[in-house]
Amino acid sequence: MDKLIRALTRDVNSEKAQAIKRSSDDIEMVTCDISKYDDVKRAFQDSWAIYAVTDFWAQPDKPEVELQQGQLMADVAASLQIPYYIFSTLEDSNKI
């Protein structure tokens, strides 16, 4: 069984998303707003593993948004019974 990487992005047509897509035939780019339950559920559907990262840069002055995104992704992964879930986060790496 081939493994496919499903990469989530706000804009599949962005230059960065297209560069990622071109890097491998095993990458599927999917539009997803990680603040929206239905988007996350659709993106996580039929996955067996998730590597989740919040979007600090969208609203850097509102850490509660990042917390909500992280909780939402964890809740969706649990509801879909995804067996492997990795959540990664850092403090502002520019300040480290």
N, C-alpha and C. Protein backbone atom coordinates (compact mmCIF):
# COMPACT_ATOMS: atom_id res chain seq x y z
N MET A 1 0.84 -1.18 0.00
CA MET A 1 0.00 0.00 0.00
C MET A 1 0.88 1.25 0.00
N ASP A 2 0.65 2.11 -0.93
CA ASP A 2 1.41 3.35 -1.00
C ASP A 2 0.96 4.31 0.08
N LYS A 3 1.89 5.06 0.58
CA LYS A 3 1.59 6.09 1.58
C LYS A 3 1.55 7.43 0.87
N LEU A 4 0.55 8.19 1.16
CA LEU A 4 0.39 9.52 0.57
C LEU A 4 0.46 10.55 1.67
N ILE A 5 1.17 11.62 1.41
CA ILE A 5 1.22 12.73 2.36
C ILE A 5 0.17 13.74 1.95
N ARG A 6 -0.72 14.05 2.86
CA ARG A 6 -1.74 15.07 2.62
C ARG A 6 -1.29 16.33 3.36
N ALA A 7 -0.88 17.32 2.61
CA ALA A 7 -0.38 18.57 3.20
C ALA A 7 -1.50 19.61 3.17
N LEU A 8 -1.74 20.24 4.31
CA LEU A 8 -2.82 21.22 4.41
C LEU A 8 -2.26 22.62 4.24
N THR A 9 -3.01 23.45 3.54
CA THR A 9 -2.60 24.82 3.29
C THR A 9 -3.84 25.69 3.16
N ARG A 10 -3.68 26.97 3.42
CA ARG A 10 -4.81 27.88 3.21
C ARG A 10 -5.07 28.10 1.72
N ASP A 11 -4.03 27.98 0.90
CA ASP A 11 -4.17 28.29 -0.53
C ASP A 11 -3.34 27.30 -1.35
N VAL A 12 -4.01 26.32 -1.96
CA VAL A 12 -3.30 25.32 -2.75
C VAL A 12 -2.66 25.91 -4.00
N ASN A 13 -3.07 27.10 -4.38
CA ASN A 13 -2.51 27.74 -5.58
C ASN A 13 -1.33 28.66 -5.27
N SER A 14 -0.96 28.79 -4.01
CA SER A 14 0.16 29.66 -3.66
C SER A 14 1.46 29.08 -4.23
N GLU A 15 2.43 29.95 -4.38
CA GLU A 15 3.73 29.54 -4.92
C GLU A 15 4.38 28.47 -4.04
N LYS A 16 4.31 28.64 -2.72
CA LYS A 16 4.91 27.67 -1.80
C LYS A 16 4.20 26.32 -1.86
N ALA A 17 2.88 26.34 -1.91
CA ALA A 17 2.12 25.09 -1.99
C ALA A 17 2.43 24.35 -3.28
N GLN A 18 2.52 25.07 -4.37
CA GLN A 18 2.83 24.45 -5.65
C GLN A 18 4.24 23.87 -5.66
N ALA A 19 5.19 24.54 -5.02
CA ALA A 19 6.56 24.03 -4.93
C ALA A 19 6.60 22.73 -4.13
N ILE A 20 5.83 22.67 -3.05
CA ILE A 20 5.76 21.44 -2.26
C ILE A 20 5.16 20.32 -3.10
N LYS A 21 4.09 20.60 -3.80
CA LYS A 21 3.42 19.61 -4.64
C LYS A 21 4.37 19.06 -5.71
N ARG A 22 5.15 19.95 -6.31
CA ARG A 22 6.09 19.52 -7.36
C ARG A 22 7.23 18.66 -6.82
N SER A 23 7.48 18.73 -5.53
CA SER A 23 8.62 18.01 -4.96
C SER A 23 8.42 16.50 -4.90
N SER A 24 7.17 16.04 -4.98
CA SER A 24 6.92 14.60 -4.91
C SER A 24 5.53 14.26 -5.43
N ASP A 25 5.44 13.14 -6.13
CA ASP A 25 4.13 12.66 -6.59
C ASP A 25 3.31 12.09 -5.43
N ASP A 26 3.94 11.91 -4.28
CA ASP A 26 3.26 11.34 -3.12
C ASP A 26 2.65 12.39 -2.20
N ILE A 27 2.61 13.64 -2.65
CA ILE A 27 2.05 14.72 -1.84
C ILE A 27 0.75 15.22 -2.46
N GLU A 28 -0.27 15.26 -1.64
CA GLU A 28 -1.57 15.80 -2.03
C GLU A 28 -1.78 17.10 -1.25
N MET A 29 -1.95 18.20 -1.95
CA MET A 29 -2.19 19.49 -1.29
C MET A 29 -3.70 19.66 -1.11
N VAL A 30 -4.12 20.04 0.10
CA VAL A 30 -5.53 20.18 0.43
C VAL A 30 -5.76 21.55 1.08
N THR A 31 -6.77 22.26 0.61
CA THR A 31 -7.14 23.53 1.23
C THR A 31 -7.82 23.25 2.57
N CYS A 32 -7.36 23.92 3.63
CA CYS A 32 -7.93 23.69 4.95
C CYS A 32 -7.70 24.91 5.84
N ASP A 33 -8.75 25.34 6.49
CA ASP A 33 -8.65 26.36 7.54
C ASP A 33 -8.70 25.59 8.86
N ILE A 34 -7.57 25.53 9.56
CA ILE A 34 -7.51 24.71 10.77
C ILE A 34 -8.27 25.30 11.95
N SER A 35 -8.99 26.38 11.70
CA SER A 35 -9.90 26.94 12.72
C SER A 35 -11.33 26.48 12.49
N LYS A 36 -11.57 25.74 11.41
CA LYS A 36 -12.93 25.30 11.06
C LYS A 36 -13.05 23.78 11.16
N TYR A 37 -13.98 23.36 12.01
CA TYR A 37 -14.18 21.93 12.27
C TYR A 37 -14.39 21.13 10.98
N ASP A 38 -15.29 21.57 10.12
CA ASP A 38 -15.59 20.81 8.90
C ASP A 38 -14.39 20.69 7.98
N ASP A 39 -13.59 21.75 7.88
CA ASP A 39 -12.37 21.69 7.06
C ASP A 39 -11.39 20.65 7.61
N VAL A 40 -11.18 20.69 8.91
CA VAL A 40 -10.23 19.77 9.53
C VAL A 40 -10.72 18.33 9.41
N LYS A 41 -12.00 18.12 9.65
CA LYS A 41 -12.55 16.76 9.55
C LYS A 41 -12.39 16.22 8.13
N ARG A 42 -12.71 17.03 7.14
CA ARG A 42 -12.56 16.60 5.75
C ARG A 42 -11.09 16.29 5.44
N ALA A 43 -10.19 17.13 5.92
CA ALA A 43 -8.76 16.95 5.64
C ALA A 43 -8.19 15.72 6.35
N PHE A 44 -8.67 15.42 7.55
CA PHE A 44 -8.16 14.29 8.32
C PHE A 44 -8.82 12.96 7.95
N GLN A 45 -9.94 13.00 7.27
CA GLN A 45 -10.70 11.80 6.93
C GLN A 45 -9.81 10.77 6.23
N ASP A 46 -9.94 9.51 6.64
CA ASP A 46 -9.21 8.38 6.05
C ASP A 46 -7.70 8.43 6.27
N SER A 47 -7.26 9.21 7.24
CA SER A 47 -5.83 9.25 7.58
C SER A 47 -5.53 8.22 8.66
N TRP A 48 -4.32 7.72 8.67
CA TRP A 48 -3.90 6.80 9.73
C TRP A 48 -2.89 7.46 10.66
N ALA A 49 -2.36 8.62 10.24
CA ALA A 49 -1.42 9.36 11.09
C ALA A 49 -1.54 10.85 10.78
N ILE A 50 -1.36 11.67 11.80
CA ILE A 50 -1.43 13.13 11.66
C ILE A 50 -0.21 13.73 12.35
N TYR A 51 0.44 14.67 11.68
CA TYR A 51 1.47 15.52 12.28
C TYR A 51 0.88 16.92 12.25
N ALA A 52 0.47 17.43 13.39
CA ALA A 52 -0.28 18.68 13.45
C ALA A 52 0.58 19.83 13.99
N VAL A 53 0.44 20.98 13.35
CA VAL A 53 1.12 22.21 13.76
C VAL A 53 0.11 23.34 13.66
N THR A 54 0.06 24.19 14.66
CA THR A 54 -0.86 25.33 14.61
C THR A 54 -0.28 26.45 13.76
N ASP A 55 -1.10 27.44 13.47
CA ASP A 55 -0.69 28.57 12.63
C ASP A 55 -0.47 29.81 13.49
N PHE A 56 0.68 29.87 14.14
CA PHE A 56 1.03 31.01 14.99
C PHE A 56 1.01 32.32 14.22
N TRP A 57 1.45 32.28 12.99
CA TRP A 57 1.65 33.51 12.21
C TRP A 57 0.35 34.16 11.78
N ALA A 58 -0.75 33.44 11.77
CA ALA A 58 -2.02 34.03 11.33
C ALA A 58 -2.47 35.14 12.28
N GLN A 59 -2.31 34.92 13.58
CA GLN A 59 -2.71 35.91 14.59
C GLN A 59 -1.73 35.85 15.76
N PRO A 60 -0.51 36.36 15.56
CA PRO A 60 0.53 36.20 16.58
C PRO A 60 0.22 36.86 17.92
N ASP A 61 -0.69 37.81 17.95
CA ASP A 61 -1.04 38.48 19.21
C ASP A 61 -2.21 37.82 19.93
N LYS A 62 -2.67 36.69 19.41
CA LYS A 62 -3.82 36.01 20.01
C LYS A 62 -3.50 34.53 20.24
N PRO A 63 -2.78 34.22 21.31
CA PRO A 63 -2.42 32.83 21.57
C PRO A 63 -3.63 31.92 21.78
N GLU A 64 -4.76 32.50 22.16
CA GLU A 64 -5.97 31.69 22.36
C GLU A 64 -6.43 31.06 21.04
N VAL A 65 -6.16 31.72 19.91
CA VAL A 65 -6.53 31.16 18.60
C VAL A 65 -5.69 29.92 18.33
N GLU A 66 -4.40 30.00 18.62
CA GLU A 66 -3.52 28.85 18.43
C GLU A 66 -3.95 27.69 19.33
N LEU A 67 -4.33 27.99 20.55
CA LEU A 67 -4.83 26.97 21.48
C LEU A 67 -6.10 26.32 20.93
N GLN A 68 -7.02 27.13 20.43
CA GLN A 68 -8.26 26.60 19.85
C GLN A 68 -7.97 25.71 18.64
N GLN A 69 -7.03 26.12 17.79
CA GLN A 69 -6.68 25.30 16.63
C GLN A 69 -6.12 23.95 17.07
N GLY A 70 -5.23 23.97 18.04
CA GLY A 70 -4.64 22.73 18.53
C GLY A 70 -5.68 21.81 19.14
N GLN A 71 -6.59 22.37 19.93
CA GLN A 71 -7.65 21.57 20.55
C GLN A 71 -8.59 21.00 19.49
N LEU A 72 -8.94 21.82 18.50
CA LEU A 72 -9.82 21.37 17.43
C LEU A 72 -9.21 20.20 16.67
N MET A 73 -7.94 20.32 16.29
CA MET A 73 -7.30 19.24 15.55
C MET A 73 -7.23 17.96 16.38
N ALA A 74 -6.91 18.08 17.66
CA ALA A 74 -6.86 16.90 18.53
C ALA A 74 -8.24 16.27 18.68
N ASP A 75 -9.28 17.09 18.83
CA ASP A 75 -10.64 16.58 18.96
C ASP A 75 -11.08 15.84 17.70
N VAL A 76 -10.78 16.42 16.54
CA VAL A 76 -11.16 15.77 15.28
C VAL A 76 -10.42 14.44 15.12
N ALA A 77 -9.12 14.44 15.38
CA ALA A 77 -8.34 13.20 15.27
C ALA A 77 -8.90 12.12 16.20
N ALA A 78 -9.27 12.50 17.41
CA ALA A 78 -9.85 11.54 18.36
C ALA A 78 -11.20 11.03 17.87
N SER A 79 -12.03 11.93 17.34
CA SER A 79 -13.36 11.51 16.87
C SER A 79 -13.27 10.57 15.68
N LEU A 80 -12.22 10.72 14.88
CA LEU A 80 -12.03 9.84 13.72
C LEU A 80 -11.21 8.61 14.07
N GLN A 81 -10.81 8.50 15.33
CA GLN A 81 -10.02 7.37 15.84
C GLN A 81 -8.75 7.15 15.02
N ILE A 82 -8.05 8.24 14.75
CA ILE A 82 -6.78 8.17 14.03
C ILE A 82 -5.73 7.63 15.01
N PRO A 83 -5.08 6.51 14.65
CA PRO A 83 -4.22 5.84 15.63
C PRO A 83 -2.93 6.57 16.01
N TYR A 84 -2.41 7.40 15.12
CA TYR A 84 -1.16 8.10 15.39
C TYR A 84 -1.37 9.60 15.23
N TYR A 85 -1.16 10.33 16.33
CA TYR A 85 -1.36 11.77 16.31
C TYR A 85 -0.18 12.43 17.00
N ILE A 86 0.53 13.27 16.27
CA ILE A 86 1.67 14.01 16.82
C ILE A 86 1.34 15.49 16.73
N PHE A 87 1.45 16.16 17.86
CA PHE A 87 1.20 17.60 17.91
C PHE A 87 2.52 18.29 18.21
N SER A 88 2.89 19.24 17.38
CA SER A 88 4.16 19.94 17.56
C SER A 88 3.92 21.43 17.70
N THR A 89 4.63 22.04 18.62
CA THR A 89 4.52 23.48 18.80
C THR A 89 5.82 24.02 19.38
N LEU A 90 6.04 25.27 19.16
CA LEU A 90 7.21 25.98 19.70
C LEU A 90 6.77 27.36 20.14
N GLU A 91 7.51 27.93 21.04
CA GLU A 91 7.29 29.35 21.29
C GLU A 91 7.83 30.10 20.08
N ASP A 92 7.63 31.37 20.02
CA ASP A 92 8.08 32.19 18.89
C ASP A 92 9.56 31.92 18.63
N SER A 93 9.86 31.23 17.53
CA SER A 93 11.23 30.82 17.24
C SER A 93 12.15 32.01 16.96
N ASN A 94 11.59 33.15 16.63
CA ASN A 94 12.42 34.35 16.44
C ASN A 94 12.97 34.87 17.77
N LYS A 95 12.35 34.45 18.87
CA LYS A 95 12.77 34.92 20.19
C LYS A 95 13.64 33.90 20.93
N ILE A 96 13.80 32.73 20.35
CA ILE A 96 14.60 31.69 21.02
C ILE A 96 16.08 31.98 20.82
